[in-house]
PDB file of N, CA and C in Angstrom:
ATOM      1  N   MET A   1       0.837  -1.170   0.000  1.00  0.00           N
ATOM      2  CA  MET A   1       0.000   0.000   0.000  1.00  0.00           C
ATOM      3  C   MET A   1       0.894   1.249   0.000  1.00  0.00           C
ATOM      4  N   LYS A   2       0.582   2.201  -0.888  1.00  0.00           N
ATOM      5  CA  LYS A   2       1.364   3.431  -0.962  1.00  0.00           C
ATOM      6  C   LYS A   2       1.051   4.334   0.221  1.00  0.00           C
ATOM      7  N   ARG A   3       2.057   5.059   0.626  1.00  0.00           N
ATOM      8  CA  ARG A   3       1.876   6.034   1.696  1.00  0.00           C
ATOM      9  C   ARG A   3       1.036   7.193   1.171  1.00  0.00           C
ATOM     10  N   GLY A   4       0.019   7.598   1.939  1.00  0.00           N
ATOM     11  CA  GLY A   4      -0.841   8.694   1.530  1.00  0.00           C
ATOM     12  C   GLY A   4      -1.933   8.265   0.566  1.00  0.00           C
ATOM     13  N   SER A   5      -2.217   6.998   0.514  1.00  0.00           N
ATOM     14  CA  SER A   5      -3.234   6.517  -0.411  1.00  0.00           C
ATOM     15  C   SER A   5      -4.627   6.681   0.195  1.00  0.00           C
ATOM     16  N   LEU A   6      -5.634   6.425  -0.603  1.00  0.00           N
ATOM     17  CA  LEU A   6      -7.018   6.532  -0.155  1.00  0.00           C
ATOM     18  C   LEU A   6      -7.334   5.503   0.922  1.00  0.00           C
ATOM     19  N   ALA A   7      -6.713   4.350   0.844  1.00  0.00           N
ATOM     20  CA  ALA A   7      -6.933   3.320   1.868  1.00  0.00           C
ATOM     21  C   ALA A   7      -6.399   3.786   3.227  1.00  0.00           C
ATOM     22  N   ASP A   8      -5.267   4.504   3.211  1.00  0.00           N
ATOM     23  CA  ASP A   8      -4.746   5.053   4.463  1.00  0.00           C
ATOM     24  C   ASP A   8      -5.701   6.086   5.040  1.00  0.00           C
ATOM     25  N   LEU A   9      -6.280   6.893   4.176  1.00  0.00           N
ATOM     26  CA  LEU A   9      -7.210   7.924   4.627  1.00  0.00           C
ATOM     27  C   LEU A   9      -8.459   7.317   5.240  1.00  0.00           C
ATOM     28  N   LYS A  10      -8.912   6.192   4.708  1.00  0.00           N
ATOM     29  CA  LYS A  10     -10.092   5.533   5.250  1.00  0.00           C
ATOM     30  C   LYS A  10      -9.821   4.924   6.617  1.00  0.00           C
ATOM     31  N   GLN A  11      -8.555   4.640   6.932  1.00  0.00           N
ATOM     32  CA  GLN A  11      -8.214   4.056   8.217  1.00  0.00           C
ATOM     33  C   GLN A  11      -8.030   5.106   9.312  1.00  0.00           C
ATOM     34  N   VAL A  12      -7.973   6.388   8.940  1.00  0.00           N
ATOM     35  CA  VAL A  12      -7.809   7.446   9.935  1.00  0.00           C
ATOM     36  C   VAL A  12      -9.083   7.530  10.769  1.00  0.00           C
ATOM     37  N   PRO A  13      -8.950   7.550  12.087  1.00  0.00           N
ATOM     38  CA  PRO A  13     -10.135   7.624  12.934  1.00  0.00           C
ATOM     39  C   PRO A  13     -10.940   8.904  12.688  1.00  0.00           C
ATOM     40  N   PHE A  14     -12.227   8.828  12.962  1.00  0.00           N
ATOM     41  CA  PHE A  14     -13.141   9.937  12.720  1.00  0.00           C
ATOM     42  C   PHE A  14     -12.720  11.188  13.483  1.00  0.00           C
ATOM     43  N   TRP A  15     -12.341  11.043  14.744  1.00  0.00           N
ATOM     44  CA  TRP A  15     -12.017  12.213  15.553  1.00  0.00           C
ATOM     45  C   TRP A  15     -10.717  12.879  15.122  1.00  0.00           C
ATOM     46  N   SER A  16      -9.802  12.122  14.542  1.00  0.00           N
ATOM     47  CA  SER A  16      -8.592  12.746  13.991  1.00  0.00           C
ATOM     48  C   SER A  16      -8.935  13.615  12.797  1.00  0.00           C
ATOM     49  N   ARG A  17      -9.884  13.157  11.988  1.00  0.00           N
ATOM     50  CA  ARG A  17     -10.348  13.989  10.869  1.00  0.00           C
ATOM     51  C   ARG A  17     -11.038  15.243  11.376  1.00  0.00           C
ATOM     52  N   VAL A  18     -11.845  15.095  12.415  1.00  0.00           N
ATOM     53  CA  VAL A  18     -12.527  16.260  12.989  1.00  0.00           C
ATOM     54  C   VAL A  18     -11.506  17.269  13.495  1.00  0.00           C
ATOM     55  N   LEU A  19     -10.476  16.785  14.180  1.00  0.00           N
ATOM     56  CA  LEU A  19      -9.417  17.684  14.656  1.00  0.00           C
ATOM     57  C   LEU A  19      -8.723  18.394  13.502  1.00  0.00           C
ATOM     58  N   GLY A  20      -8.469  17.679  12.435  1.00  0.00           N
ATOM     59  CA  GLY A  20      -7.836  18.286  11.271  1.00  0.00           C
ATOM     60  C   GLY A  20      -8.703  19.365  10.646  1.00  0.00           C
ATOM     61  N   TRP A  21      -9.987  19.086  10.483  1.00  0.00           N
ATOM     62  CA  TRP A  21     -10.891  20.076   9.880  1.00  0.00           C
ATOM     63  C   TRP A  21     -11.100  21.271  10.800  1.00  0.00           C
ATOM     64  N   LEU A  22     -11.156  21.046  12.100  1.00  0.00           N
ATOM     65  CA  LEU A  22     -11.272  22.174  13.026  1.00  0.00           C
ATOM     66  C   LEU A  22     -10.031  23.054  12.983  1.00  0.00           C
ATOM     67  N   SER A  23      -8.877  22.427  12.852  1.00  0.00           N
ATOM     68  CA  SER A  23      -7.637  23.193  12.748  1.00  0.00           C
ATOM     69  C   SER A  23      -7.604  24.028  11.468  1.00  0.00           C
ATOM     70  N   ILE A  24      -7.996  23.430  10.356  1.00  0.00           N
ATOM     71  CA  ILE A  24      -8.033  24.161   9.089  1.00  0.00           C
ATOM     72  C   ILE A  24      -9.036  25.304   9.161  1.00  0.00           C
ATOM     73  N   PHE A  25     -10.214  25.055   9.735  1.00  0.00           N
ATOM     74  CA  PHE A  25     -11.228  26.094   9.864  1.00  0.00           C
ATOM     75  C   PHE A  25     -10.750  27.228  10.767  1.00  0.00           C
ATOM     76  N   GLY A  26     -10.097  26.891  11.870  1.00  0.00           N
ATOM     77  CA  GLY A  26      -9.569  27.909  12.779  1.00  0.00           C
ATOM     78  C   GLY A  26      -8.532  28.795  12.117  1.00  0.00           C
ATOM     79  N   TRP A  27      -7.629  28.190  11.342  1.00  0.00           N
ATOM     80  CA  TRP A  27      -6.617  28.990  10.648  1.00  0.00           C
ATOM     81  C   TRP A  27      -7.233  29.827   9.536  1.00  0.00           C
ATOM     82  N   PHE A  28      -8.262  29.319   8.876  1.00  0.00           N
ATOM     83  CA  PHE A  28      -8.953  30.116   7.858  1.00  0.00           C
ATOM     84  C   PHE A  28      -9.589  31.352   8.498  1.00  0.00           C
ATOM     85  N   ILE A  29     -10.234  31.169   9.635  1.00  0.00           N
ATOM     86  CA  ILE A  29     -10.834  32.295  10.351  1.00  0.00           C
ATOM     87  C   ILE A  29      -9.750  33.291  10.767  1.00  0.00           C
ATOM     88  N   PHE A  30      -8.607  32.804  11.200  1.00  0.00           N
ATOM     89  CA  PHE A  30      -7.517  33.693  11.611  1.00  0.00           C
ATOM     90  C   PHE A  30      -6.981  34.494  10.425  1.00  0.00           C
ATOM     91  N   VAL A  31      -6.847  33.877   9.279  1.00  0.00           N
ATOM     92  CA  VAL A  31      -6.367  34.600   8.086  1.00  0.00           C
ATOM     93  C   VAL A  31      -7.367  35.681   7.686  1.00  0.00           C
ATOM     94  N   VAL A  32      -8.659  35.366   7.728  1.00  0.00           N
ATOM     95  CA  VAL A  32      -9.681  36.376   7.425  1.00  0.00           C
ATOM     96  C   VAL A  32      -9.609  37.507   8.448  1.00  0.00           C
ATOM     97  N   ALA A  33      -9.398  37.183   9.716  1.00  0.00           N
ATOM     98  CA  ALA A  33      -9.270  38.207  10.756  1.00  0.00           C
ATOM     99  C   ALA A  33      -8.040  39.079  10.513  1.00  0.00           C
ATOM    100  N   ALA A  34      -6.952  38.499  10.033  1.00  0.00           N
ATOM    101  CA  ALA A  34      -5.755  39.287   9.729  1.00  0.00           C
ATOM    102  C   ALA A  34      -6.008  40.250   8.574  1.00  0.00           C
ATOM    103  N   ILE A  35      -6.781  39.827   7.589  1.00  0.00           N
ATOM    104  CA  ILE A  35      -7.126  40.714   6.474  1.00  0.00           C
ATOM    105  C   ILE A  35      -8.017  41.851   6.962  1.00  0.00           C
ATOM    106  N   VAL A  36      -8.991  41.524   7.811  1.00  0.00           N
ATOM    107  CA  VAL A  36      -9.867  42.563   8.370  1.00  0.00           C
ATOM    108  C   VAL A  36      -9.055  43.520   9.233  1.00  0.00           C
ATOM    109  N   PHE A  37      -8.086  43.008   9.979  1.00  0.00           N
ATOM    110  CA  PHE A  37      -7.219  43.851  10.809  1.00  0.00           C
ATOM    111  C   PHE A  37      -6.483  44.881   9.968  1.00  0.00           C
ATOM    112  N   ASN A  38      -6.034  44.482   8.788  1.00  0.00           N
ATOM    113  CA  ASN A  38      -5.294  45.395   7.924  1.00  0.00           C
ATOM    114  C   ASN A  38      -6.138  46.609   7.549  1.00  0.00           C
ATOM    115  N   TYR A  39      -7.421  46.408   7.328  1.00  0.00           N
ATOM    116  CA  TYR A  39      -8.286  47.511   6.933  1.00  0.00           C
ATOM    117  C   TYR A  39      -8.899  48.255   8.120  1.00  0.00           C
ATOM    118  N   ALA A  40      -8.946  47.636   9.294  1.00  0.00           N
ATOM    119  CA  ALA A  40      -9.600  48.245  10.447  1.00  0.00           C
ATOM    120  C   ALA A  40      -8.652  49.066  11.312  1.00  0.00           C
ATOM    121  N   LYS A  41      -7.375  48.779  11.279  1.00  0.00           N
ATOM    122  CA  LYS A  41      -6.418  49.421  12.183  1.00  0.00           C
ATOM    123  C   LYS A  41      -6.245  50.903  11.849  1.00  0.00           C
ATOM    124  N   PRO A  42      -5.799  51.691  12.828  1.00  0.00           N
ATOM    125  CA  PRO A  42      -5.503  53.095  12.551  1.00  0.00           C
ATOM    126  C   PRO A  42      -4.342  53.221  11.571  1.00  0.00           C
ATOM    127  N   GLU A  43      -4.381  54.275  10.777  1.00  0.00           N
ATOM    128  CA  GLU A  43      -3.289  54.497   9.819  1.00  0.00           C
ATOM    129  C   GLU A  43      -2.107  55.134  10.531  1.00  0.00           C
ATOM    130  N   ARG A  44      -0.938  54.859  10.023  1.00  0.00           N
ATOM    131  CA  ARG A  44       0.269  55.413  10.634  1.00  0.00           C
ATOM    132  C   ARG A  44       0.621  56.748   9.989  1.00  0.00           C
ATOM    133  N   ASP A  45       1.085  57.647  10.826  1.00  0.00           N
ATOM    134  CA  ASP A  45       1.518  58.959  10.352  1.00  0.00           C
ATOM    135  C   ASP A  45       2.969  58.865   9.910  1.00  0.00           C
ATOM    136  N   THR A  46       3.240  59.225   8.674  1.00  0.00           N
ATOM    137  CA  THR A  46       4.599  59.162   8.137  1.00  0.00           C
ATOM    138  C   THR A  46       5.080  60.563   7.763  1.00  0.00           C
ATOM    139  N   ILE A  47       6.307  60.633   7.340  1.00  0.00           N
ATOM    140  CA  ILE A  47       6.873  61.916   6.921  1.00  0.00           C
ATOM    141  C   ILE A  47       6.127  62.468   5.712  1.00  0.00           C
ATOM    142  N   LEU A  48       5.777  61.599   4.772  1.00  0.00           N
ATOM    143  CA  LEU A  48       5.070  62.051   3.573  1.00  0.00           C
ATOM    144  C   LEU A  48       3.684  62.604   3.906  1.00  0.00           C
ATOM    145  N   THR A  49       2.994  61.990   4.848  1.00  0.00           N
ATOM    146  CA  THR A  49       1.676  62.515   5.206  1.00  0.00           C
ATOM    147  C   THR A  49       1.793  63.870   5.897  1.00  0.00           C
ATOM    148  N   GLU A  50       2.872  64.086   6.628  1.00  0.00           N
ATOM    149  CA  GLU A  50       3.075  65.389   7.259  1.00  0.00           C
ATOM    150  C   GLU A  50       3.486  66.443   6.243  1.00  0.00           C
ATOM    151  N   ILE A  51       4.345  66.067   5.304  1.00  0.00           N
ATOM    152  CA  ILE A  51       4.809  67.044   4.302  1.00  0.00           C
ATOM    153  C   ILE A  51       3.660  67.503   3.421  1.00  0.00           C
ATOM    154  N   PHE A  52       2.869  66.564   2.933  1.00  0.00           N
ATOM    155  CA  PHE A  52       1.794  66.904   2.006  1.00  0.00           C
ATOM    156  C   PHE A  52       0.467  67.204   2.711  1.00  0.00           C
ATOM    157  N   GLY A  53       0.419  67.119   4.011  1.00  0.00           N
ATOM    158  CA  GLY A  53      -0.790  67.441   4.755  1.00  0.00           C
ATOM    159  C   GLY A  53      -1.929  66.461   4.539  1.00  0.00           C
ATOM    160  N   ILE A  54      -1.589  65.210   4.325  1.00  0.00           N
ATOM    161  CA  ILE A  54      -2.602  64.179   4.106  1.00  0.00           C
ATOM    162  C   ILE A  54      -3.182  63.771   5.461  1.00  0.00           C
ATOM    163  N   PRO A  55      -4.504  63.826   5.591  1.00  0.00           N
ATOM    164  CA  PRO A  55      -5.086  63.412   6.878  1.00  0.00           C
ATOM    165  C   PRO A  55      -5.006  61.890   7.050  1.00  0.00           C
ATOM    166  N   VAL A  56      -4.721  61.475   8.269  1.00  0.00           N
ATOM    167  CA  VAL A  56      -4.664  60.048   8.576  1.00  0.00           C
ATOM    168  C   VAL A  56      -5.702  59.727   9.637  1.00  0.00           C
ATOM    169  N   ARG A  57      -6.250  58.539   9.546  1.00  0.00           N
ATOM    170  CA  ARG A  57      -7.240  58.072  10.509  1.00  0.00           C
ATOM    171  C   ARG A  57      -6.493  57.513  11.717  1.00  0.00           C
ATOM    172  N   GLU A  58      -6.808  58.041  12.899  1.00  0.00           N
ATOM    173  CA  GLU A  58      -6.102  57.639  14.112  1.00  0.00           C
ATOM    174  C   GLU A  58      -6.916  56.703  14.998  1.00  0.00           C
ATOM    175  N   ASP A  59      -8.107  56.334  14.547  1.00  0.00           N
ATOM    176  CA  ASP A  59      -8.971  55.445  15.324  1.00  0.00           C
ATOM    177  C   ASP A  59      -9.283  54.204  14.509  1.00  0.00           C
ATOM    178  N   TRP A  60      -9.714  53.173  15.213  1.00  0.00           N
ATOM    179  CA  TRP A  60     -10.152  51.944  14.555  1.00  0.00           C
ATOM    180  C   TRP A  60     -11.468  52.204  13.840  1.00  0.00           C
ATOM    181  N   LEU A  61     -11.675  51.567  12.690  1.00  0.00           N
ATOM    182  CA  LEU A  61     -12.992  51.573  12.067  1.00  0.00           C
ATOM    183  C   LEU A  61     -13.883  50.658  12.895  1.00  0.00           C
ATOM    184  N   ILE A  62     -14.982  51.199  13.377  1.00  0.00           N
ATOM    185  CA  ILE A  62     -15.794  50.486  14.368  1.00  0.00           C
ATOM    186  C   ILE A  62     -16.351  49.173  13.818  1.00  0.00           C
ATOM    187  N   THR A  63     -16.951  49.204  12.641  1.00  0.00           N
ATOM    188  CA  THR A  63     -17.578  47.980  12.129  1.00  0.00           C
ATOM    189  C   THR A  63     -16.542  46.907  11.824  1.00  0.00           C
ATOM    190  N   LEU A  64     -15.434  47.318  11.204  1.00  0.00           N
ATOM    191  CA  LEU A  64     -14.388  46.335  10.913  1.00  0.00           C
ATOM    192  C   LEU A  64     -13.667  45.895  12.180  1.00  0.00           C
ATOM    193  N   GLY A  65     -13.537  46.789  13.141  1.00  0.00           N
ATOM    194  CA  GLY A  65     -12.940  46.406  14.421  1.00  0.00           C
ATOM    195  C   GLY A  65     -13.790  45.389  15.154  1.00  0.00           C
ATOM    196  N   ASP A  66     -15.105  45.598  15.121  1.00  0.00           N
ATOM    197  CA  ASP A  66     -15.998  44.610  15.743  1.00  0.00           C
ATOM    198  C   ASP A  66     -15.935  43.271  15.014  1.00  0.00           C
ATOM    199  N   LEU A  67     -15.890  43.321  13.687  1.00  0.00           N
ATOM    200  CA  LEU A  67     -15.761  42.083  12.914  1.00  0.00           C
ATOM    201  C   LEU A  67     -14.453  41.374  13.234  1.00  0.00           C
ATOM    202  N   PHE A  68     -13.381  42.145  13.402  1.00  0.00           N
ATOM    203  CA  PHE A  68     -12.072  41.583  13.762  1.00  0.00           C
ATOM    204  C   PHE A  68     -12.156  40.844  15.101  1.00  0.00           C
ATOM    205  N   VAL A  69     -12.785  41.476  16.089  1.00  0.00           N
ATOM    206  CA  VAL A  69     -12.913  40.850  17.408  1.00  0.00           C
ATOM    207  C   VAL A  69     -13.780  39.605  17.329  1.00  0.00           C
ATOM    208  N   ILE A  70     -14.880  39.683  16.597  1.00  0.00           N
ATOM    209  CA  ILE A  70     -15.772  38.525  16.480  1.00  0.00           C
ATOM    210  C   ILE A  70     -15.051  37.355  15.818  1.00  0.00           C
ATOM    211  N   LEU A  71     -14.301  37.643  14.755  1.00  0.00           N
ATOM    212  CA  LEU A  71     -13.566  36.571  14.076  1.00  0.00           C
ATOM    213  C   LEU A  71     -12.507  35.957  14.983  1.00  0.00           C
ATOM    214  N   LEU A  72     -11.813  36.798  15.749  1.00  0.00           N
ATOM    215  CA  LEU A  72     -10.797  36.251  16.656  1.00  0.00           C
ATOM    216  C   LEU A  72     -11.424  35.422  17.777  1.00  0.00           C
ATOM    217  N   VAL A  73     -12.573  35.841  18.268  1.00  0.00           N
ATOM    218  CA  VAL A  73     -13.235  35.065  19.323  1.00  0.00           C
ATOM    219  C   VAL A  73     -13.720  33.729  18.757  1.00  0.00           C
ATOM    220  N   ILE A  74     -14.252  33.734  17.530  1.00  0.00           N
ATOM    221  CA  ILE A  74     -14.665  32.472  16.904  1.00  0.00           C
ATOM    222  C   ILE A  74     -13.445  31.569  16.698  1.00  0.00           C
ATOM    223  N   GLY A  75     -12.349  32.140  16.195  1.00  0.00           N
ATOM    224  CA  GLY A  75     -11.127  31.357  16.017  1.00  0.00           C
ATOM    225  C   GLY A  75     -10.592  30.819  17.327  1.00  0.00           C
ATOM    226  N   LEU A  76     -10.683  31.626  18.389  1.00  0.00           N
ATOM    227  CA  LEU A  76     -10.229  31.178  19.705  1.00  0.00           C
ATOM    228  C   LEU A  76     -11.108  30.044  20.226  1.00  0.00           C
ATOM    229  N   CYS A  77     -12.423  30.162  20.045  1.00  0.00           N
ATOM    230  CA  CYS A  77     -13.334  29.100  20.503  1.00  0.00           C
ATOM    231  C   CYS A  77     -13.098  27.805  19.735  1.00  0.00           C
ATOM    232  N   VAL A  78     -12.900  27.907  18.423  1.00  0.00           N
ATOM    233  CA  VAL A  78     -12.636  26.709  17.619  1.00  0.00           C
ATOM    234  C   VAL A  78     -11.324  26.062  18.037  1.00  0.00           C
ATOM    235  N   SER A  79     -10.305  26.869  18.266  1.00  0.00           N
ATOM    236  CA  SER A  79      -9.010  26.291  18.647  1.00  0.00           C
ATOM    237  C   SER A  79      -9.042  25.718  20.062  1.00  0.00           C
ATOM    238  N   LEU A  80      -9.782  26.354  20.969  1.00  0.00           N
ATOM    239  CA  LEU A  80      -9.913  25.782  22.309  1.00  0.00           C
ATOM    240  C   LEU A  80     -10.695  24.474  22.275  1.00  0.00           C
ATOM    241  N   LEU A  81     -11.733  24.412  21.435  1.00  0.00           N
ATOM    242  CA  LEU A  81     -12.471  23.160  21.263  1.00  0.00           C
ATOM    243  C   LEU A  81     -11.552  22.074  20.704  1.00  0.00           C
ATOM    244  N   SER A  82     -10.728  22.426  19.741  1.00  0.00           N
ATOM    245  CA  SER A  82      -9.779  21.462  19.178  1.00  0.00           C
ATOM    246  C   SER A  82      -8.778  20.997  20.233  1.00  0.00           C
ATOM    247  N   PHE A  83      -8.303  21.934  21.037  1.00  0.00           N
ATOM    248  CA  PHE A  83      -7.343  21.593  22.076  1.00  0.00           C
ATOM    249  C   PHE A  83      -7.950  20.644  23.105  1.00  0.00           C
ATOM    250  N   VAL A  84      -9.183  20.920  23.514  1.00  0.00           N
ATOM    251  CA  VAL A  84      -9.853  20.051  24.490  1.00  0.00           C
ATOM    252  C   VAL A  84     -10.097  18.667  23.894  1.00  0.00           C
ATOM    253  N   LEU A  85     -10.562  18.620  22.644  1.00  0.00           N
ATOM    254  CA  LEU A  85     -10.758  17.325  21.983  1.00  0.00           C
ATOM    255  C   LEU A  85      -9.443  16.558  21.881  1.00  0.00           C
ATOM    256  N   ASN A  86      -8.386  17.253  21.521  1.00  0.00           N
ATOM    257  CA  ASN A  86      -7.075  16.626  21.407  1.00  0.00           C
ATOM    258  C   ASN A  86      -6.635  16.072  22.757  1.00  0.00           C
ATOM    259  N   TYR A  87      -6.850  16.837  23.811  1.00  0.00           N
ATOM    260  CA  TYR A  87      -6.438  16.385  25.140  1.00  0.00           C
ATOM    261  C   TYR A  87      -7.258  15.175  25.594  1.00  0.00           C
ATOM    262  N   VAL A  88      -8.570  15.228  25.373  1.00  0.00           N
ATOM    263  CA  VAL A  88      -9.438  14.138  25.824  1.00  0.00           C
ATOM    264  C   VAL A  88      -9.177  12.857  25.035  1.00  0.00           C
ATOM    265  N   LEU A  89      -9.017  12.979  23.732  1.00  0.00           N
ATOM    266  CA  LEU A  89      -8.865  11.795  22.894  1.00  0.00           C
ATOM    267  C   LEU A  89      -7.499  11.140  23.005  1.00  0.00           C
ATOM    268  N   PHE A  90      -6.465  11.940  23.170  1.00  0.00           N
ATOM    269  CA  PHE A  90      -5.111  11.395  23.119  1.00  0.00           C
ATOM    270  C   PHE A  90      -4.343  11.570  24.424  1.00  0.00           C
ATOM    271  N   ARG A  91      -5.033  11.628  25.557  1.00  0.00           N
ATOM    272  CA  ARG A  91      -4.320  11.844  26.812  1.00  0.00           C
ATOM    273  C   ARG A  91      -3.600  10.597  27.304  1.00  0.00           C
ATOM    274  N   LYS A  92      -4.008   9.429  26.842  1.00  0.00           N
ATOM    275  CA  LYS A  92      -3.373   8.199  27.322  1.00  0.00           C
ATOM    276  C   LYS A  92      -1.980   8.011  26.727  1.00  0.00           C
ATOM    277  N   ASP A  93      -1.834   8.246  25.418  1.00  0.00           N
ATOM    278  CA  ASP A  93      -0.522   8.004  24.819  1.00  0.00           C
ATOM    279  C   ASP A  93       0.358   9.246  24.828  1.00  0.00           C
ATOM    280  N   LYS A  94      -0.195  10.429  25.009  1.00  0.00           N
ATOM    281  CA  LYS A  94       0.539  11.689  25.167  1.00  0.00           C
ATOM    282  C   LYS A  94       1.563  11.941  24.061  1.00  0.00           C
ATOM    283  N   GLN A  95       1.444  11.262  22.946  1.00  0.00           N
ATOM    284  CA  GLN A  95       2.398  11.492  21.868  1.00  0.00           C
ATOM    285  C   GLN A  95       1.769  12.259  20.715  1.00  0.00           C
ATOM    286  N   HIS A  96       0.485  12.506  20.797  1.00  0.00           N
ATOM    287  CA  HIS A  96      -0.231  13.148  19.712  1.00  0.00           C
ATOM    288  C   HIS A  96      -0.633  14.550  20.156  1.00  0.00           C
ATOM    289  N   LEU A  97       0.207  15.541  19.867  1.00  0.00           N
ATOM    290  CA  LEU A  97      -0.080  16.914  20.248  1.00  0.00           C
ATOM    291  C   LEU A  97      -0.029  17.791  19.009  1.00  0.00           C
ATOM    292  N   TRP A  98      -1.089  18.517  18.776  1.00  0.00           N
ATOM    293  CA  TRP A  98      -1.174  19.392  17.609  1.00  0.00           C
ATOM    294  C   TRP A  98      -0.651  20.763  18.007  1.00  0.00           C
ATOM    295  N   ILE A  99       0.583  21.046  17.665  1.00  0.00           N
ATOM    296  CA  ILE A  99       1.229  22.302  18.032  1.00  0.00           C
ATOM    297  C   ILE A  99       0.547  23.486  17.346  1.00  0.00           C
ATOM    298  N   ASN A 100       0.029  23.282  16.134  1.00  0.00           N
ATOM    299  CA  ASN A 100      -0.594  24.401  15.426  1.00  0.00           C
ATOM    300  C   ASN A 100      -1.823  24.920  16.160  1.00  0.00           C
ATOM    301  N   ILE A 101      -2.489  24.085  16.938  1.00  0.00           N
ATOM    302  CA  ILE A 101      -3.632  24.548  17.728  1.00  0.00           C
ATOM    303  C   ILE A 101      -3.148  25.493  18.827  1.00  0.00           C
ATOM    304  N   LEU A 102      -2.044  25.148  19.471  1.00  0.00           N
ATOM    305  CA  LEU A 102      -1.493  26.029  20.504  1.00  0.00           C
ATOM    306  C   LEU A 102      -1.024  27.351  19.909  1.00  0.00           C
ATOM    307  N   ILE A 103      -0.417  27.307  18.732  1.00  0.00           N
ATOM    308  CA  ILE A 103       0.019  28.538  18.068  1.00  0.00           C
ATOM    309  C   ILE A 103      -1.186  29.400  17.705  1.00  0.00           C
ATOM    310  N   LEU A 104      -2.261  28.775  17.248  1.00  0.00           N
ATOM    311  CA  LEU A 104      -3.475  29.512  16.917  1.00  0.00           C
ATOM    312  C   LEU A 104      -4.103  30.147  18.156  1.00  0.00           C
ATOM    313  N   ILE A 105      -4.104  29.449  19.270  1.00  0.00           N
ATOM    314  CA  ILE A 105      -4.635  30.019  20.513  1.00  0.00           C
ATOM    315  C   ILE A 105      -3.832  31.253  20.912  1.00  0.00           C
ATOM    316  N   MET A 106      -2.514  31.149  20.878  1.00  0.00           N
ATOM    317  CA  MET A 106      -1.670  32.288  21.246  1.00  0.00           C
ATOM    318  C   MET A 106      -1.832  33.450  20.262  1.00  0.00           C
ATOM    319  N   SER A 107      -1.989  33.143  18.981  1.00  0.00           N
ATOM    320  CA  SER A 107      -2.168  34.194  17.979  1.00  0.00           C
ATOM    321  C   SER A 107      -3.488  34.923  18.170  1.00  0.00           C
ATOM    322  N   CYS A 108      -4.541  34.197  18.451  1.00  0.00           N
ATOM    323  CA  CYS A 108      -5.849  34.826  18.694  1.00  0.00           C
ATOM    324  C   CYS A 108      -5.811  35.684  19.952  1.00  0.00           C
ATOM    325  N   LEU A 109      -5.191  35.180  21.000  1.00  0.00           N
ATOM    326  CA  LEU A 109      -5.066  35.971  22.225  1.00  0.00           C
ATOM    327  C   LEU A 109      -4.209  37.210  21.998  1.00  0.00           C
ATOM    328  N   GLY A 110      -3.155  37.083  21.196  1.00  0.00           N
ATOM    329  CA  GLY A 110      -2.321  38.240  20.869  1.00  0.00           C
ATOM    330  C   GLY A 110      -3.090  39.274  20.057  1.00  0.00           C
ATOM    331  N   GLY A 111      -3.884  38.834  19.099  1.00  0.00           N
ATOM    332  CA  GLY A 111      -4.687  39.775  18.317  1.00  0.00           C
ATOM    333  C   GLY A 111      -5.715  40.492  19.162  1.00  0.00           C
ATOM    334  N   LEU A 112      -6.347  39.782  20.078  1.00  0.00           N
ATOM    335  CA  LEU A 112      -7.306  40.421  20.968  1.00  0.00           C
ATOM    336  C   LEU A 112      -6.624  41.424  21.908  1.00  0.00           C
ATOM    337  N   SER A 113      -5.431  41.095  22.375  1.00  0.00           N
ATOM    338  CA  SER A 113      -4.719  42.023  23.247  1.00  0.00           C
ATOM    339  C   SER A 113      -4.265  43.267  22.484  1.00  0.00           C
ATOM    340  N   VAL A 114      -3.898  43.122  21.214  1.00  0.00           N
ATOM    341  CA  VAL A 114      -3.542  44.285  20.406  1.00  0.00           C
ATOM    342  C   VAL A 114      -4.740  45.194  20.240  1.00  0.00           C
ATOM    343  N   TYR A 115      -5.903  44.621  20.008  1.00  0.00           N
ATOM    344  CA  TYR A 115      -7.102  45.439  19.813  1.00  0.00           C
ATOM    345  C   TYR A 115      -7.521  46.141  21.097  1.00  0.00           C
ATOM    346  N   PHE A 116      -7.525  45.402  22.210  1.00  0.00           N
ATOM    347  CA  PHE A 116      -8.054  45.974  23.446  1.00  0.00           C
ATOM    348  C   PHE A 116      -7.037  46.811  24.240  1.00  0.00           C
ATOM    349  N   PHE A 117      -5.742  46.508  24.113  1.00  0.00           N
ATOM    350  CA  PHE A 117      -4.756  47.192  24.940  1.00  0.00           C
ATOM    351  C   PHE A 117      -3.844  48.131  24.159  1.00  0.00           C
ATOM    352  N   GLY A 118      -4.113  48.344  22.894  1.00  0.00           N
ATOM    353  CA  GLY A 118      -3.370  49.353  22.158  1.00  0.00           C
ATOM    354  C   GLY A 118      -2.630  48.817  20.981  1.00  0.00           C
ATOM    355  N   TYR A 119      -2.493  49.691  20.020  1.00  0.00           N
ATOM    356  CA  TYR A 119      -1.798  49.344  18.771  1.00  0.00           C
ATOM    357  C   TYR A 119      -0.627  50.258  18.616  1.00  0.00           C
TER     358      TYR A 119
END
């Protein structure tokens, strides 16, 4: 049997597939939140904006900022659910740890702290 074949995929347990799809969904939500962050954040004042007198926005866009927070909270909930499932399902052998879930949790918490505690 070839490695990575369809027969191998059929042998993967159901909950491992669920963990994989939750991880992919969580990272997709995080990427969308990063795109929203780019448009919602305050603009930076540069030398060119001062020379030419271009006005810059110094506050968050409220609707996009709220969307950013909502997306990060959804991503955080999905990643925490994945982490709990991972812990419950694989706590006996302790060799199956999805590091990307932990990175996603820290990234979501970091994004929320940037929004609430200053940019």
